[in-house]
C-alpha cells in the first residue's frame, strides 16, 4: 500500500484555498521590432490620421482570423460554428479612466487600419461622452440590479447574445457583442507589458494586450542595435486552439506588424505621395 502523508503548513492551506485546475487559458508573449510600424504610423499622422499600435494589432488579429478561420468560430455545445466576419472588440477606458467599456468594430479584415482607427475614435468618443444609447441602457440596467440577480443576468445574456448570436434589445446588447477577438492596451498607461484575463462572458478565442513601445538592444545580423520594440501578450482559450493553430496564426500576425505597409497598400501609397510632395 502506498504511503500517505498528511498535508501540513502551506500545502494544507493551499488545498483549502483552491480547487483542482479547471481553466483553459494559455498565456503567451512576444516582442515585435516596431521600426517599420513606427514609420508607418508617422506617415499616417502626416496624413491627419492618428493610428496607434492598438489599431495595428487589432487589424493584425483580424487578418490572422481570416487566414486561420478555425479560430474565428463560436462554440455551441459540441459544435464550432464559423463566424461570418472578423469583428474585433477594442476595450477602452471611459469616465476619465475610472471605468472600462469597449467598442466592437465589424469586418475589420475588410477595412484599412486608417478606417478602423477613425471608426474606433469616433465611437469611443461617443461612449466616453455618454452619448452611446445602447451602452447607456446596458450600464443603467446592470448598475440597478442586485448582485445575485446581476450574476444570473450576465449568464443569461451572455448565452443569448454569445452562444445563440441574438441581440437583447431591452439591454442594448447586440449579437455577439465581443466579436471574434478582443484587444486592449496598457501602453497608454506607460506599462511595458501585462496579461489580461479572458472572461467567460467574451466567448472569444483570445484577448490580445498591447504594451508600450520602448527602445531595446537587439541582435541584428550578428551585431547589437537599439530598436523600438513592441511587447504583446495574449490570453488564449485552449478550447478553441492548440499549438498547430497558434503556429499558423503567428505567421500572419507577425508579418503584418513587422511591415504594415505591405498589407495596407492604399494607405502606403498615400503616404509615399505625401512624402514626394514635400520639398527636399
C-alpha atoms as a PDB file:
ATOM      1  CA  UNK A   1       0.000   0.000   0.000  1.00  0.00           C
ATOM      2  CA  UNK A   2       1.352   3.427  -0.958  1.00  0.00           C
ATOM      3  CA  UNK A   3       2.444   5.635   1.911  1.00  0.00           C
ATOM      4  CA  UNK A   4       0.190   8.561   2.718  1.00  0.00           C
ATOM      5  CA  UNK A   5       1.473  11.806   4.220  1.00  0.00           C
ATOM      6  CA  UNK A   6      -0.881  14.234   5.900  1.00  0.00           C
ATOM      7  CA  UNK A   7      -0.846  17.719   4.383  1.00  0.00           C
ATOM      8  CA  UNK A   8       0.544  20.390   6.675  1.00  0.00           C
ATOM      9  CA  UNK A   9       1.550  24.013   6.566  1.00  0.00           C
ATOM     10  CA  UNK A  10       1.283  25.847   3.260  1.00  0.00           C
ATOM     11  CA  UNK A  11       0.237  22.772   1.267  1.00  0.00           C
ATOM     12  CA  UNK A  12      -2.721  22.285   3.614  1.00  0.00           C
ATOM     13  CA  UNK A  13      -3.688  25.964   3.365  1.00  0.00           C
ATOM     14  CA  UNK A  14      -3.312  25.901  -0.426  1.00  0.00           C
ATOM     15  CA  UNK A  15      -5.549  22.832  -0.690  1.00  0.00           C
ATOM     16  CA  UNK A  16      -8.188  24.625   1.373  1.00  0.00           C
ATOM     17  CA  UNK A  17      -7.922  27.815  -0.708  1.00  0.00           C
ATOM     18  CA  UNK A  18      -8.040  26.357  -4.230  1.00  0.00           C
ATOM     19  CA  UNK A  19      -9.656  23.555  -6.147  1.00  0.00           C
ATOM     20  CA  UNK A  20      -8.062  21.469  -8.899  1.00  0.00           C
ATOM     21  CA  UNK A  21      -7.183  23.481 -12.042  1.00  0.00           C
ATOM     22  CA  UNK A  22     -10.120  23.898 -14.399  1.00  0.00           C
ATOM     23  CA  UNK A  23      -9.039  26.789 -16.583  1.00  0.00           C
ATOM     24  CA  UNK A  24      -8.344  26.516 -20.343  1.00  0.00           C
ATOM     25  CA  UNK A  25      -6.309  29.724 -20.596  1.00  0.00           C
ATOM     26  CA  UNK A  26      -2.935  29.755 -22.352  1.00  0.00           C
ATOM     27  CA  UNK A  27      -0.614  32.734 -21.887  1.00  0.00           C
ATOM     28  CA  UNK A  28       1.906  33.867 -24.479  1.00  0.00           C
ATOM     29  CA  UNK A  29       4.190  36.833 -25.084  1.00  0.00           C
ATOM     30  CA  UNK A  30       6.259  38.111 -27.970  1.00  0.00           C
ATOM     31  CA  UNK A  31       8.214  41.206 -28.957  1.00  0.00           C
ATOM     32  CA  UNK A  32       7.922  42.854 -32.363  1.00  0.00           C
ATOM     33  CA  UNK A  33      10.540  45.090 -33.973  1.00  0.00           C
ATOM     34  CA  UNK A  34       8.404  48.209 -34.423  1.00  0.00           C
ATOM     35  CA  UNK A  35      10.773  50.111 -36.731  1.00  0.00           C
ATOM     36  CA  UNK A  36       8.541  49.741 -39.801  1.00  0.00           C
ATOM     37  CA  UNK A  37       5.368  50.126 -37.734  1.00  0.00           C
ATOM     38  CA  UNK A  38       6.548  53.425 -36.272  1.00  0.00           C
ATOM     39  CA  UNK A  39       7.470  54.713 -39.717  1.00  0.00           C
ATOM     40  CA  UNK A  40       4.028  53.706 -40.996  1.00  0.00           C
ATOM     41  CA  UNK A  41       2.240  55.344 -38.035  1.00  0.00           C
ATOM     42  CA  UNK A  42       4.245  58.548 -38.541  1.00  0.00           C
ATOM     43  CA  UNK A  43       3.167  58.536 -42.186  1.00  0.00           C
ATOM     44  CA  UNK A  44      -0.476  58.100 -41.185  1.00  0.00           C
ATOM     45  CA  UNK A  45      -0.228  61.019 -38.766  1.00  0.00           C
ATOM     46  CA  UNK A  46       1.240  63.151 -41.557  1.00  0.00           C
ATOM     47  CA  UNK A  47      -1.987  62.419 -43.450  1.00  0.00           C
ATOM     48  CA  UNK A  48      -4.034  63.506 -40.436  1.00  0.00           C
ATOM     49  CA  UNK A  49      -4.861  60.038 -39.108  1.00  0.00           C
ATOM     50  CA  UNK A  50      -3.924  59.030 -35.573  1.00  0.00           C
ATOM     51  CA  UNK A  51      -3.033  55.351 -35.916  1.00  0.00           C
ATOM     52  CA  UNK A  52      -1.699  53.663 -32.775  1.00  0.00           C
ATOM     53  CA  UNK A  53      -0.135  50.259 -32.034  1.00  0.00           C
ATOM     54  CA  UNK A  54      -3.527  49.130 -30.713  1.00  0.00           C
ATOM     55  CA  UNK A  55      -5.136  49.790 -34.100  1.00  0.00           C
ATOM     56  CA  UNK A  56      -2.353  47.901 -35.870  1.00  0.00           C
ATOM     57  CA  UNK A  57      -2.687  44.932 -33.522  1.00  0.00           C
ATOM     58  CA  UNK A  58      -6.467  44.849 -33.968  1.00  0.00           C
ATOM     59  CA  UNK A  59      -6.047  44.784 -37.743  1.00  0.00           C
ATOM     60  CA  UNK A  60      -3.363  42.085 -37.458  1.00  0.00           C
ATOM     61  CA  UNK A  61      -5.683  39.934 -35.342  1.00  0.00           C
ATOM     62  CA  UNK A  62      -8.492  40.287 -37.907  1.00  0.00           C
ATOM     63  CA  UNK A  63      -6.235  39.293 -40.802  1.00  0.00           C
ATOM     64  CA  UNK A  64      -4.996  36.364 -38.739  1.00  0.00           C
ATOM     65  CA  UNK A  65      -8.559  35.188 -38.151  1.00  0.00           C
ATOM     66  CA  UNK A  66      -9.185  35.370 -41.886  1.00  0.00           C
ATOM     67  CA  UNK A  67      -6.080  33.298 -42.625  1.00  0.00           C
ATOM     68  CA  UNK A  68      -6.840  30.764 -39.878  1.00  0.00           C
ATOM     69  CA  UNK A  69     -10.650  30.517 -39.973  1.00  0.00           C
ATOM     70  CA  UNK A  70     -10.641  27.659 -37.456  1.00  0.00           C
ATOM     71  CA  UNK A  71     -10.030  30.357 -34.825  1.00  0.00           C
ATOM     72  CA  UNK A  72     -12.916  32.533 -35.929  1.00  0.00           C
ATOM     73  CA  UNK A  73     -15.695  30.344 -34.597  1.00  0.00           C
ATOM     74  CA  UNK A  74     -18.420  30.302 -31.988  1.00  0.00           C
ATOM     75  CA  UNK A  75     -18.540  27.266 -29.667  1.00  0.00           C
ATOM     76  CA  UNK A  76     -22.011  25.861 -29.084  1.00  0.00           C
ATOM     77  CA  UNK A  77     -22.045  22.604 -27.195  1.00  0.00           C
ATOM     78  CA  UNK A  78     -20.205  20.017 -29.293  1.00  0.00           C
ATOM     79  CA  UNK A  79     -20.150  22.264 -32.373  1.00  0.00           C
ATOM     80  CA  UNK A  80     -17.901  25.035 -33.685  1.00  0.00           C
ATOM     81  CA  UNK A  81     -19.861  27.492 -35.840  1.00  0.00           C
ATOM     82  CA  UNK A  82     -17.940  29.643 -38.312  1.00  0.00           C
ATOM     83  CA  UNK A  83     -18.359  33.386 -37.835  1.00  0.00           C
ATOM     84  CA  UNK A  84     -19.267  35.478 -40.874  1.00  0.00           C
ATOM     85  CA  UNK A  85     -16.542  38.084 -40.369  1.00  0.00           C
ATOM     86  CA  UNK A  86     -13.603  39.047 -38.153  1.00  0.00           C
ATOM     87  CA  UNK A  87     -15.095  41.548 -35.710  1.00  0.00           C
ATOM     88  CA  UNK A  88     -12.702  42.981 -33.120  1.00  0.00           C
ATOM     89  CA  UNK A  89     -13.735  44.232 -29.683  1.00  0.00           C
ATOM     90  CA  UNK A  90     -11.486  47.062 -28.503  1.00  0.00           C
ATOM     91  CA  UNK A  91     -11.543  47.540 -24.725  1.00  0.00           C
ATOM     92  CA  UNK A  92     -11.155  51.190 -23.757  1.00  0.00           C
ATOM     93  CA  UNK A  93     -11.164  53.380 -20.648  1.00  0.00           C
ATOM     94  CA  UNK A  94     -14.185  55.635 -20.122  1.00  0.00           C
ATOM     95  CA  UNK A  95     -15.352  58.121 -17.495  1.00  0.00           C
ATOM     96  CA  UNK A  96     -11.901  59.682 -17.238  1.00  0.00           C
ATOM     97  CA  UNK A  97     -10.244  56.300 -16.811  1.00  0.00           C
ATOM     98  CA  UNK A  98     -12.482  55.313 -13.873  1.00  0.00           C
ATOM     99  CA  UNK A  99     -14.310  52.604 -15.796  1.00  0.00           C
ATOM    100  CA  UNK A 100     -13.867  50.231 -18.723  1.00  0.00           C
ATOM    101  CA  UNK A 101     -16.060  49.755 -21.750  1.00  0.00           C
ATOM    102  CA  UNK A 102     -15.481  48.719 -25.313  1.00  0.00           C
ATOM    103  CA  UNK A 103     -16.346  49.098 -28.968  1.00  0.00           C
ATOM    104  CA  UNK A 104     -16.858  46.278 -31.451  1.00  0.00           C
ATOM    105  CA  UNK A 105     -15.641  47.108 -34.945  1.00  0.00           C
ATOM    106  CA  UNK A 106     -17.226  44.870 -37.569  1.00  0.00           C
ATOM    107  CA  UNK A 107     -15.450  43.310 -40.569  1.00  0.00           C
ATOM    108  CA  UNK A 108     -12.002  44.584 -39.622  1.00  0.00           C
ATOM    109  CA  UNK A 109     -10.382  42.253 -42.136  1.00  0.00           C
ATOM    110  CA  UNK A 110     -12.040  44.275 -44.914  1.00  0.00           C
ATOM    111  CA  UNK A 111     -11.135  47.752 -43.607  1.00  0.00           C
ATOM    112  CA  UNK A 112      -7.847  49.627 -43.726  1.00  0.00           C
ATOM    113  CA  UNK A 113      -6.200  50.400 -40.409  1.00  0.00           C
ATOM    114  CA  UNK A 114      -6.995  54.085 -41.039  1.00  0.00           C
ATOM    115  CA  UNK A 115     -10.691  53.249 -41.344  1.00  0.00           C
ATOM    116  CA  UNK A 116     -10.508  51.157 -38.179  1.00  0.00           C
ATOM    117  CA  UNK A 117      -8.771  53.969 -36.277  1.00  0.00           C
ATOM    118  CA  UNK A 118     -11.288  56.591 -37.446  1.00  0.00           C
ATOM    119  CA  UNK A 119     -14.315  54.465 -36.574  1.00  0.00           C
ATOM    120  CA  UNK A 120     -12.922  53.473 -33.190  1.00  0.00           C
ATOM    121  CA  UNK A 121     -12.025  57.072 -32.297  1.00  0.00           C
ATOM    122  CA  UNK A 122     -15.485  58.321 -33.231  1.00  0.00           C
ATOM    123  CA  UNK A 123     -17.407  55.584 -31.430  1.00  0.00           C
ATOM    124  CA  UNK A 124     -15.159  55.513 -28.356  1.00  0.00           C
ATOM    125  CA  UNK A 125     -15.561  59.280 -28.138  1.00  0.00           C
ATOM    126  CA  UNK A 126     -19.338  58.878 -28.057  1.00  0.00           C
ATOM    127  CA  UNK A 127     -19.033  56.250 -25.324  1.00  0.00           C
ATOM    128  CA  UNK A 128     -16.730  58.429 -23.215  1.00  0.00           C
ATOM    129  CA  UNK A 129     -19.118  61.373 -23.587  1.00  0.00           C
ATOM    130  CA  UNK A 130     -22.089  59.226 -22.562  1.00  0.00           C
ATOM    131  CA  UNK A 131     -23.711  59.611 -25.987  1.00  0.00           C
ATOM    132  CA  UNK A 132     -23.945  55.907 -26.844  1.00  0.00           C
ATOM    133  CA  UNK A 133     -27.611  54.995 -26.158  1.00  0.00           C
ATOM    134  CA  UNK A 134     -27.047  51.225 -26.184  1.00  0.00           C
ATOM    135  CA  UNK A 135     -24.119  51.488 -23.776  1.00  0.00           C
ATOM    136  CA  UNK A 136     -26.102  53.822 -21.506  1.00  0.00           C
ATOM    137  CA  UNK A 137     -29.067  51.441 -21.493  1.00  0.00           C
ATOM    138  CA  UNK A 138     -26.852  48.457 -20.686  1.00  0.00           C
ATOM    139  CA  UNK A 139     -24.951  50.222 -17.888  1.00  0.00           C
ATOM    140  CA  UNK A 140     -28.144  51.567 -16.333  1.00  0.00           C
ATOM    141  CA  UNK A 141     -29.666  48.095 -16.156  1.00  0.00           C
ATOM    142  CA  UNK A 142     -26.521  46.444 -14.830  1.00  0.00           C
ATOM    143  CA  UNK A 143     -25.976  49.121 -12.154  1.00  0.00           C
ATOM    144  CA  UNK A 144     -29.556  48.795 -10.908  1.00  0.00           C
ATOM    145  CA  UNK A 145     -29.649  45.016 -10.485  1.00  0.00           C
ATOM    146  CA  UNK A 146     -28.832  43.451  -7.084  1.00  0.00           C
ATOM    147  CA  UNK A 147     -25.629  41.428  -7.212  1.00  0.00           C
ATOM    148  CA  UNK A 148     -27.209  37.914  -7.159  1.00  0.00           C
ATOM    149  CA  UNK A 149     -29.603  38.885  -9.957  1.00  0.00           C
ATOM    150  CA  UNK A 150     -26.789  40.593 -11.870  1.00  0.00           C
ATOM    151  CA  UNK A 151     -24.730  37.367 -11.839  1.00  0.00           C
ATOM    152  CA  UNK A 152     -27.682  35.418 -13.228  1.00  0.00           C
ATOM    153  CA  UNK A 153     -28.460  38.137 -15.779  1.00  0.00           C
ATOM    154  CA  UNK A 154     -24.878  38.121 -17.055  1.00  0.00           C
ATOM    155  CA  UNK A 155     -25.002  34.380 -17.655  1.00  0.00           C
ATOM    156  CA  UNK A 156     -28.361  34.518 -19.417  1.00  0.00           C
ATOM    157  CA  UNK A 157     -27.481  37.496 -21.633  1.00  0.00           C
ATOM    158  CA  UNK A 158     -24.071  36.016 -22.429  1.00  0.00           C
ATOM    159  CA  UNK A 159     -25.745  32.785 -23.530  1.00  0.00           C
ATOM    160  CA  UNK A 160     -28.352  34.581 -25.662  1.00  0.00           C
ATOM    161  CA  UNK A 161     -26.052  37.150 -27.287  1.00  0.00           C
ATOM    162  CA  UNK A 162     -22.918  34.999 -27.452  1.00  0.00           C
ATOM    163  CA  UNK A 163     -23.983  31.385 -27.929  1.00  0.00           C
ATOM    164  CA  UNK A 164     -27.296  31.951 -29.703  1.00  0.00           C
ATOM    165  CA  UNK A 165     -25.981  35.030 -31.558  1.00  0.00           C
ATOM    166  CA  UNK A 166     -29.084  37.091 -30.840  1.00  0.00           C
ATOM    167  CA  UNK A 167     -29.366  40.668 -29.639  1.00  0.00           C
ATOM    168  CA  UNK A 168     -31.006  41.678 -26.361  1.00  0.00           C
ATOM    169  CA  UNK A 169     -32.634  44.968 -27.345  1.00  0.00           C
ATOM    170  CA  UNK A 170     -34.026  45.679 -23.895  1.00  0.00           C
ATOM    171  CA  UNK A 171     -30.476  45.865 -22.536  1.00  0.00           C
ATOM    172  CA  UNK A 172     -28.853  47.452 -25.587  1.00  0.00           C
ATOM    173  CA  UNK A 173     -26.835  44.321 -26.388  1.00  0.00           C
ATOM    174  CA  UNK A 174     -26.044  43.416 -29.986  1.00  0.00           C
ATOM    175  CA  UNK A 175     -25.392  39.959 -31.414  1.00  0.00           C
ATOM    176  CA  UNK A 176     -22.000  38.601 -30.340  1.00  0.00           C
ATOM    177  CA  UNK A 177     -21.159  41.858 -28.520  1.00  0.00           C
ATOM    178  CA  UNK A 178     -17.494  40.909 -28.047  1.00  0.00           C
ATOM    179  CA  UNK A 179     -16.965  39.919 -31.669  1.00  0.00           C
ATOM    180  CA  UNK A 180     -14.350  37.398 -32.776  1.00  0.00           C
ATOM    181  CA  UNK A 181     -11.485  38.514 -30.516  1.00  0.00           C
ATOM    182  CA  UNK A 182     -10.655  41.284 -28.059  1.00  0.00           C
ATOM    183  CA  UNK A 183      -7.783  43.780 -27.993  1.00  0.00           C
ATOM    184  CA  UNK A 184      -6.765  46.160 -25.236  1.00  0.00           C
ATOM    185  CA  UNK A 185      -3.720  48.195 -24.266  1.00  0.00           C
ATOM    186  CA  UNK A 186      -1.616  49.151 -21.268  1.00  0.00           C
ATOM    187  CA  UNK A 187       0.796  51.112 -23.431  1.00  0.00           C
ATOM    188  CA  UNK A 188      -1.303  54.241 -22.941  1.00  0.00           C
ATOM    189  CA  UNK A 189      -0.526  53.999 -19.220  1.00  0.00           C
ATOM    190  CA  UNK A 190       3.200  53.634 -19.857  1.00  0.00           C
ATOM    191  CA  UNK A 191       3.273  49.993 -18.781  1.00  0.00           C
ATOM    192  CA  UNK A 192       5.643  47.875 -20.866  1.00  0.00           C
ATOM    193  CA  UNK A 193       3.742  44.602 -20.605  1.00  0.00           C
ATOM    194  CA  UNK A 194       0.918  42.808 -18.860  1.00  0.00           C
ATOM    195  CA  UNK A 195      -1.578  39.959 -19.136  1.00  0.00           C
ATOM    196  CA  UNK A 196      -5.338  40.483 -19.299  1.00  0.00           C
ATOM    197  CA  UNK A 197      -7.942  37.989 -18.035  1.00  0.00           C
ATOM    198  CA  UNK A 198     -10.127  36.278 -20.602  1.00  0.00           C
ATOM    199  CA  UNK A 199     -13.639  36.410 -19.182  1.00  0.00           C
ATOM    200  CA  UNK A 200     -16.091  33.547 -19.748  1.00  0.00           C
ATOM    201  CA  UNK A 201     -18.555  36.196 -20.967  1.00  0.00           C
ATOM    202  CA  UNK A 202     -16.495  37.136 -24.013  1.00  0.00           C
ATOM    203  CA  UNK A 203     -16.985  33.875 -25.917  1.00  0.00           C
ATOM    204  CA  UNK A 204     -13.846  34.621 -27.957  1.00  0.00           C
ATOM    205  CA  UNK A 205     -10.667  32.571 -28.510  1.00  0.00           C
ATOM    206  CA  UNK A 206      -8.193  35.273 -27.479  1.00  0.00           C
ATOM    207  CA  UNK A 207      -7.622  38.594 -25.768  1.00  0.00           C
ATOM    208  CA  UNK A 208      -4.516  40.434 -27.002  1.00  0.00           C
ATOM    209  CA  UNK A 209      -2.874  43.104 -24.856  1.00  0.00           C
ATOM    210  CA  UNK A 210      -0.614  45.784 -26.357  1.00  0.00           C
ATOM    211  CA  UNK A 211       2.261  47.208 -24.329  1.00  0.00           C
ATOM    212  CA  UNK A 212       4.317  50.376 -24.710  1.00  0.00           C
ATOM    213  CA  UNK A 213       6.974  50.663 -27.415  1.00  0.00           C
ATOM    214  CA  UNK A 214      10.408  51.062 -25.852  1.00  0.00           C
ATOM    215  CA  UNK A 215      13.951  51.080 -27.210  1.00  0.00           C
ATOM    216  CA  UNK A 216      15.841  47.859 -26.544  1.00  0.00           C
ATOM    217  CA  UNK A 217      19.152  46.361 -27.718  1.00  0.00           C
ATOM    218  CA  UNK A 218      18.585  43.502 -30.165  1.00  0.00           C
ATOM    219  CA  UNK A 219      20.833  41.278 -32.275  1.00  0.00           C
ATOM    220  CA  UNK A 220      20.670  42.174 -35.986  1.00  0.00           C
ATOM    221  CA  UNK A 221      22.783  40.011 -38.312  1.00  0.00           C
ATOM    222  CA  UNK A 222      25.373  39.373 -35.632  1.00  0.00           C
ATOM    223  CA  UNK A 223      25.596  42.929 -34.289  1.00  0.00           C
ATOM    224  CA  UNK A 224      23.765  44.741 -31.495  1.00  0.00           C
ATOM    225  CA  UNK A 225      21.420  47.573 -32.452  1.00  0.00           C
ATOM    226  CA  UNK A 226      18.898  49.600 -30.495  1.00  0.00           C
ATOM    227  CA  UNK A 227      15.441  49.162 -31.991  1.00  0.00           C
ATOM    228  CA  UNK A 228      11.917  50.201 -30.924  1.00  0.00           C
ATOM    229  CA  UNK A 229      10.257  47.063 -29.567  1.00  0.00           C
ATOM    230  CA  UNK A 230       6.519  46.494 -29.204  1.00  0.00           C
ATOM    231  CA  UNK A 231       5.654  43.940 -26.487  1.00  0.00           C
ATOM    232  CA  UNK A 232       2.451  41.969 -26.984  1.00  0.00           C
ATOM    233  CA  UNK A 233       0.825  39.364 -24.776  1.00  0.00           C
ATOM    234  CA  UNK A 234      -2.151  37.117 -25.430  1.00  0.00           C
ATOM    235  CA  UNK A 235      -4.524  35.140 -23.274  1.00  0.00           C
ATOM    236  CA  UNK A 236      -5.879  32.277 -25.368  1.00  0.00           C
ATOM    237  CA  UNK A 237      -8.732  29.843 -24.756  1.00  0.00           C
ATOM    238  CA  UNK A 238      -7.367  26.325 -25.278  1.00  0.00           C
ATOM    239  CA  UNK A 239     -10.851  25.077 -26.190  1.00  0.00           C
ATOM    240  CA  UNK A 240     -10.574  26.971 -29.477  1.00  0.00           C
ATOM    241  CA  UNK A 241      -6.949  26.404 -30.402  1.00  0.00           C
ATOM    242  CA  UNK A 242      -3.879  24.236 -29.981  1.00  0.00           C
ATOM    243  CA  UNK A 243      -0.233  24.724 -30.868  1.00  0.00           C
ATOM    244  CA  UNK A 244      -0.822  23.963 -34.540  1.00  0.00           C
ATOM    245  CA  UNK A 245      -3.321  26.814 -34.901  1.00  0.00           C
ATOM    246  CA  UNK A 246      -1.150  29.223 -32.919  1.00  0.00           C
ATOM    247  CA  UNK A 247       1.842  28.469 -35.133  1.00  0.00           C
ATOM    248  CA  UNK A 248      -0.158  29.238 -38.291  1.00  0.00           C
ATOM    249  CA  UNK A 249      -1.650  32.364 -36.748  1.00  0.00           C
ATOM    250  CA  UNK A 250       1.726  33.752 -35.734  1.00  0.00           C
ATOM    251  CA  UNK A 251       2.944  33.919 -39.341  1.00  0.00           C
ATOM    252  CA  UNK A 252       0.290  36.393 -40.462  1.00  0.00           C
ATOM    253  CA  UNK A 253       0.200  38.265 -37.156  1.00  0.00           C
ATOM    254  CA  UNK A 254       3.950  38.881 -37.050  1.00  0.00           C
ATOM    255  CA  UNK A 255       4.197  39.598 -40.800  1.00  0.00           C
ATOM    256  CA  UNK A 256       1.605  42.365 -40.582  1.00  0.00           C
ATOM    257  CA  UNK A 257       3.122  44.100 -37.558  1.00  0.00           C
ATOM    258  CA  UNK A 258       6.671  43.901 -38.915  1.00  0.00           C
ATOM    259  CA  UNK A 259       5.586  45.516 -42.216  1.00  0.00           C
ATOM    260  CA  UNK A 260       2.130  47.165 -42.088  1.00  0.00           C
ATOM    261  CA  UNK A 261       2.649  48.998 -45.394  1.00  0.00           C
ATOM    262  CA  UNK A 262       2.828  45.638 -47.205  1.00  0.00           C
ATOM    263  CA  UNK A 263      -0.753  44.896 -46.153  1.00  0.00           C
ATOM    264  CA  UNK A 264      -2.009  48.499 -46.279  1.00  0.00           C
ATOM    265  CA  UNK A 265      -1.109  49.215 -49.910  1.00  0.00           C
ATOM    266  CA  UNK A 266      -3.572  52.061 -50.457  1.00  0.00           C
ATOM    267  CA  UNK A 267      -2.564  53.878 -47.278  1.00  0.00           C
ATOM    268  CA  UNK A 268       1.121  53.287 -48.022  1.00  0.00           C
ATOM    269  CA  UNK A 269       0.677  54.805 -51.478  1.00  0.00           C
ATOM    270  CA  UNK A 270      -0.913  57.915 -49.988  1.00  0.00           C
ATOM    271  CA  UNK A 271       1.952  58.213 -47.512  1.00  0.00           C
ATOM    272  CA  UNK A 272       4.502  57.906 -50.322  1.00  0.00           C
ATOM    273  CA  UNK A 273       2.681  60.524 -52.417  1.00  0.00           C
ATOM    274  CA  UNK A 274       2.587  62.908 -49.465  1.00  0.00           C
ATOM    275  CA  UNK A 275       6.303  62.418 -48.835  1.00  0.00           C
ATOM    276  CA  UNK A 276       7.072  63.072 -52.522  1.00  0.00           C
ATOM    277  CA  UNK A 277       5.215  66.397 -52.376  1.00  0.00           C
ATOM    278  CA  UNK A 278       7.432  67.719 -49.615  1.00  0.00           C
ATOM    279  CA  UNK A 279      10.353  69.938 -50.664  1.00  0.00           C
ATOM    280  CA  UNK A 280      13.685  68.150 -50.350  1.00  0.00           C
END
